[in-house]
Amino acid sequence: MPALWIAHVTVTDDEAYAKYAKGAGVAIAEHGGTFIARGGRYVQLEGKDRPRNVVAKFPDVETAERCYHSDAYQAALEHARGASERELLIVETTE
């Protein structure tokens, strides 16, 4: 079953986060992920408001998790640490 990687982010350092986004995009693509939402318009209805929301679709949960733990993604993630507050989860779709 396909899976969605969903991130809710508050960026605190635009320059460092841009480096993360570039590297993360490469890692996600290398694992068959495609962005279906990336920082677009949103409406916060419940919970903590995070102004940047990203959704990527992967072939399955295992591939999305492998992407997260990959060397390429972890290298990119070093730029996000200290440059953002974020939540990230992977959820299997019903498709």
N, C-alpha and C. Protein backbone atom coordinates (compact mmCIF):
# COMPACT_ATOMS: atom_id res chain seq x y z
N MET A 1 0.84 -1.19 0.00
CA MET A 1 0.00 0.00 0.00
C MET A 1 0.89 1.25 0.00
N PRO A 2 0.51 2.26 -0.77
CA PRO A 2 1.25 3.52 -0.74
C PRO A 2 1.24 4.14 0.67
N ALA A 3 2.19 5.00 0.90
CA ALA A 3 2.30 5.67 2.20
C ALA A 3 2.58 7.14 1.99
N LEU A 4 2.13 7.94 2.95
CA LEU A 4 2.37 9.38 2.94
C LEU A 4 3.34 9.74 4.05
N TRP A 5 4.28 10.59 3.72
CA TRP A 5 5.24 11.17 4.65
C TRP A 5 4.71 12.57 4.89
N ILE A 6 4.33 12.88 6.10
CA ILE A 6 3.68 14.15 6.40
C ILE A 6 4.53 14.92 7.42
N ALA A 7 4.94 16.12 7.05
CA ALA A 7 5.75 16.96 7.93
C ALA A 7 5.03 18.28 8.19
N HIS A 8 5.04 18.68 9.45
CA HIS A 8 4.50 19.99 9.86
C HIS A 8 5.69 20.74 10.46
N VAL A 9 5.99 21.92 9.90
CA VAL A 9 7.27 22.57 10.21
C VAL A 9 7.10 24.07 10.49
N THR A 10 7.84 24.54 11.47
CA THR A 10 8.06 25.97 11.66
C THR A 10 9.55 26.20 11.41
N VAL A 11 9.86 26.96 10.39
CA VAL A 11 11.26 27.24 10.03
C VAL A 11 11.75 28.42 10.86
N THR A 12 12.91 28.25 11.48
CA THR A 12 13.50 29.31 12.29
C THR A 12 14.79 29.87 11.68
N ASP A 13 15.33 29.20 10.67
CA ASP A 13 16.53 29.67 9.96
C ASP A 13 16.34 29.31 8.48
N ASP A 14 15.91 30.28 7.69
CA ASP A 14 15.58 30.04 6.28
C ASP A 14 16.76 29.51 5.48
N GLU A 15 17.94 30.05 5.70
CA GLU A 15 19.11 29.65 4.91
C GLU A 15 19.48 28.18 5.16
N ALA A 16 19.56 27.82 6.43
CA ALA A 16 19.89 26.43 6.76
C ALA A 16 18.79 25.48 6.30
N TYR A 17 17.54 25.89 6.45
CA TYR A 17 16.43 25.02 6.07
C TYR A 17 16.38 24.82 4.56
N ALA A 18 16.78 25.80 3.81
CA ALA A 18 16.83 25.65 2.35
C ALA A 18 17.83 24.56 1.96
N LYS A 19 18.94 24.46 2.67
CA LYS A 19 19.90 23.40 2.42
C LYS A 19 19.28 22.04 2.73
N TYR A 20 18.54 21.97 3.83
CA TYR A 20 17.83 20.74 4.16
C TYR A 20 16.86 20.37 3.05
N ALA A 21 16.03 21.32 2.63
CA ALA A 21 14.99 21.04 1.64
C ALA A 21 15.59 20.51 0.34
N LYS A 22 16.71 21.08 -0.07
CA LYS A 22 17.37 20.63 -1.30
C LYS A 22 17.83 19.17 -1.17
N GLY A 23 18.54 18.88 -0.10
CA GLY A 23 19.03 17.52 0.13
C GLY A 23 17.93 16.52 0.38
N ALA A 24 16.92 16.94 1.11
CA ALA A 24 15.79 16.04 1.39
C ALA A 24 15.04 15.71 0.11
N GLY A 25 14.88 16.69 -0.76
CA GLY A 25 14.20 16.44 -2.02
C GLY A 25 14.91 15.38 -2.86
N VAL A 26 16.22 15.44 -2.87
CA VAL A 26 17.00 14.44 -3.60
C VAL A 26 16.82 13.06 -2.98
N ALA A 27 16.92 12.98 -1.66
CA ALA A 27 16.78 11.69 -0.97
C ALA A 27 15.39 11.10 -1.19
N ILE A 28 14.37 11.93 -1.11
CA ILE A 28 13.01 11.47 -1.30
C ILE A 28 12.82 10.93 -2.72
N ALA A 29 13.32 11.65 -3.72
CA ALA A 29 13.21 11.20 -5.10
C ALA A 29 13.97 9.89 -5.32
N GLU A 30 15.14 9.75 -4.70
CA GLU A 30 15.93 8.52 -4.83
C GLU A 30 15.20 7.30 -4.28
N HIS A 31 14.24 7.53 -3.39
CA HIS A 31 13.47 6.43 -2.79
C HIS A 31 12.07 6.32 -3.40
N GLY A 32 11.88 6.92 -4.55
CA GLY A 32 10.60 6.79 -5.24
C GLY A 32 9.50 7.68 -4.70
N GLY A 33 9.87 8.63 -3.85
CA GLY A 33 8.88 9.55 -3.29
C GLY A 33 8.58 10.71 -4.23
N THR A 34 7.35 11.17 -4.20
CA THR A 34 6.96 12.34 -4.98
C THR A 34 6.19 13.29 -4.08
N PHE A 35 6.45 14.58 -4.24
CA PHE A 35 5.75 15.57 -3.42
C PHE A 35 4.34 15.78 -3.96
N ILE A 36 3.37 15.77 -3.06
CA ILE A 36 2.00 16.12 -3.46
C ILE A 36 1.54 17.41 -2.79
N ALA A 37 2.29 17.86 -1.79
CA ALA A 37 2.07 19.18 -1.17
C ALA A 37 3.41 19.60 -0.59
N ARG A 38 3.75 20.86 -0.81
CA ARG A 38 5.05 21.33 -0.30
C ARG A 38 4.98 22.82 -0.01
N GLY A 39 4.53 23.13 1.20
CA GLY A 39 4.51 24.52 1.63
C GLY A 39 3.41 25.37 1.05
N GLY A 40 2.37 24.77 0.53
CA GLY A 40 1.28 25.54 -0.08
C GLY A 40 0.28 26.08 0.94
N ARG A 41 -0.77 26.63 0.43
CA ARG A 41 -1.84 27.20 1.24
C ARG A 41 -2.47 26.11 2.10
N TYR A 42 -2.81 26.45 3.34
CA TYR A 42 -3.42 25.49 4.26
C TYR A 42 -4.37 26.21 5.20
N VAL A 43 -5.20 25.43 5.87
CA VAL A 43 -6.11 25.94 6.89
C VAL A 43 -5.89 25.11 8.14
N GLN A 44 -5.47 25.73 9.23
CA GLN A 44 -5.24 25.03 10.50
C GLN A 44 -6.56 24.95 11.24
N LEU A 45 -7.04 23.75 11.49
CA LEU A 45 -8.32 23.58 12.18
C LEU A 45 -8.15 23.13 13.62
N GLU A 46 -7.15 22.33 13.90
CA GLU A 46 -6.89 21.85 15.26
C GLU A 46 -5.39 21.68 15.45
N GLY A 47 -4.96 21.62 16.70
CA GLY A 47 -3.56 21.34 17.01
C GLY A 47 -2.65 22.53 16.81
N LYS A 48 -1.35 22.24 16.91
CA LYS A 48 -0.33 23.28 16.81
C LYS A 48 -0.17 23.74 15.37
N ASP A 49 -0.21 25.03 15.18
CA ASP A 49 -0.05 25.62 13.85
C ASP A 49 1.42 25.58 13.45
N ARG A 50 1.70 25.00 12.31
CA ARG A 50 3.03 25.00 11.71
C ARG A 50 2.86 25.54 10.30
N PRO A 51 3.50 26.65 9.96
CA PRO A 51 3.23 27.31 8.68
C PRO A 51 3.75 26.59 7.43
N ARG A 52 4.58 25.57 7.59
CA ARG A 52 5.05 24.81 6.42
C ARG A 52 4.60 23.37 6.58
N ASN A 53 3.89 22.88 5.59
CA ASN A 53 3.35 21.52 5.62
C ASN A 53 3.74 20.83 4.33
N VAL A 54 4.29 19.63 4.47
CA VAL A 54 4.80 18.89 3.32
C VAL A 54 4.24 17.48 3.34
N VAL A 55 3.79 17.02 2.17
CA VAL A 55 3.31 15.65 2.03
C VAL A 55 4.00 15.04 0.82
N ALA A 56 4.64 13.89 1.03
CA ALA A 56 5.26 13.15 -0.06
C ALA A 56 4.66 11.75 -0.08
N LYS A 57 4.46 11.24 -1.27
CA LYS A 57 3.89 9.90 -1.42
C LYS A 57 5.00 8.92 -1.79
N PHE A 58 5.03 7.79 -1.11
CA PHE A 58 6.01 6.72 -1.34
C PHE A 58 5.28 5.43 -1.73
N PRO A 59 6.01 4.48 -2.32
CA PRO A 59 5.37 3.22 -2.69
C PRO A 59 4.79 2.45 -1.50
N ASP A 60 5.42 2.58 -0.33
CA ASP A 60 4.94 1.87 0.87
C ASP A 60 5.63 2.44 2.11
N VAL A 61 5.16 2.03 3.28
CA VAL A 61 5.69 2.54 4.54
C VAL A 61 7.18 2.21 4.67
N GLU A 62 7.55 1.00 4.30
CA GLU A 62 8.94 0.57 4.46
C GLU A 62 9.90 1.42 3.63
N THR A 63 9.51 1.76 2.43
CA THR A 63 10.37 2.60 1.58
C THR A 63 10.49 4.00 2.16
N ALA A 64 9.40 4.55 2.66
CA ALA A 64 9.44 5.87 3.29
C ALA A 64 10.35 5.86 4.51
N GLU A 65 10.26 4.80 5.29
CA GLU A 65 11.11 4.70 6.48
C GLU A 65 12.58 4.52 6.10
N ARG A 66 12.84 3.73 5.04
CA ARG A 66 14.23 3.58 4.56
C ARG A 66 14.79 4.93 4.11
N CYS A 67 13.94 5.73 3.46
CA CYS A 67 14.37 7.05 3.04
C CYS A 67 14.80 7.88 4.25
N TYR A 68 13.97 7.89 5.28
CA TYR A 68 14.28 8.66 6.48
C TYR A 68 15.63 8.26 7.07
N HIS A 69 15.90 6.97 7.11
CA HIS A 69 17.13 6.47 7.73
C HIS A 69 18.33 6.44 6.78
N SER A 70 18.11 6.82 5.53
CA SER A 70 19.20 6.78 4.54
C SER A 70 20.27 7.82 4.88
N ASP A 71 21.48 7.54 4.43
CA ASP A 71 22.59 8.47 4.65
C ASP A 71 22.28 9.84 4.02
N ALA A 72 21.69 9.82 2.82
CA ALA A 72 21.40 11.09 2.13
C ALA A 72 20.41 11.93 2.91
N TYR A 73 19.35 11.31 3.41
CA TYR A 73 18.35 12.09 4.16
C TYR A 73 18.92 12.55 5.50
N GLN A 74 19.65 11.70 6.18
CA GLN A 74 20.22 12.08 7.47
C GLN A 74 21.22 13.22 7.32
N ALA A 75 21.96 13.25 6.21
CA ALA A 75 22.88 14.37 5.96
C ALA A 75 22.08 15.65 5.76
N ALA A 76 20.99 15.58 5.02
CA ALA A 76 20.14 16.76 4.82
C ALA A 76 19.52 17.20 6.14
N LEU A 77 19.11 16.24 6.94
CA LEU A 77 18.44 16.54 8.21
C LEU A 77 19.32 17.34 9.16
N GLU A 78 20.62 17.18 9.05
CA GLU A 78 21.54 17.96 9.89
C GLU A 78 21.31 19.46 9.71
N HIS A 79 20.90 19.88 8.52
CA HIS A 79 20.63 21.30 8.27
C HIS A 79 19.31 21.76 8.90
N ALA A 80 18.38 20.84 9.08
CA ALA A 80 17.08 21.19 9.67
C ALA A 80 17.15 21.29 11.19
N ARG A 81 18.04 20.52 11.77
CA ARG A 81 18.18 20.54 13.23
C ARG A 81 18.70 21.91 13.64
N GLY A 82 18.01 22.55 14.55
CA GLY A 82 18.38 23.89 14.96
C GLY A 82 17.86 24.97 14.04
N ALA A 83 17.29 24.58 12.91
CA ALA A 83 16.75 25.54 11.95
C ALA A 83 15.24 25.42 11.81
N SER A 84 14.65 24.51 12.62
CA SER A 84 13.21 24.29 12.51
C SER A 84 12.68 23.55 13.74
N GLU A 85 11.38 23.68 13.92
CA GLU A 85 10.63 22.85 14.86
C GLU A 85 9.68 22.06 14.00
N ARG A 86 9.63 20.74 14.20
CA ARG A 86 8.87 19.93 13.25
C ARG A 86 8.33 18.64 13.84
N GLU A 87 7.30 18.16 13.20
CA GLU A 87 6.79 16.83 13.45
C GLU A 87 6.80 16.12 12.10
N LEU A 88 7.10 14.85 12.11
CA LEU A 88 7.14 14.06 10.88
C LEU A 88 6.55 12.69 11.16
N LEU A 89 5.68 12.23 10.29
CA LEU A 89 5.11 10.91 10.44
C LEU A 89 4.92 10.27 9.09
N ILE A 90 4.79 8.96 9.09
CA ILE A 90 4.49 8.18 7.90
C ILE A 90 3.19 7.46 8.16
N VAL A 91 2.28 7.52 7.21
CA VAL A 91 1.00 6.84 7.37
C VAL A 91 0.66 6.09 6.08
N GLU A 92 0.21 4.87 6.23
CA GLU A 92 -0.20 4.07 5.08
C GLU A 92 -1.55 4.57 4.56
N THR A 93 -1.69 4.61 3.24
CA THR A 93 -2.96 5.06 2.66
C THR A 93 -3.92 3.87 2.53
N THR A 94 -5.14 4.17 2.14
CA THR A 94 -6.14 3.12 1.95
C THR A 94 -6.27 2.76 0.48
N GLU A 95 -5.45 3.32 -0.37
CA GLU A 95 -5.52 3.03 -1.82
C GLU A 95 -5.02 1.65 -2.13
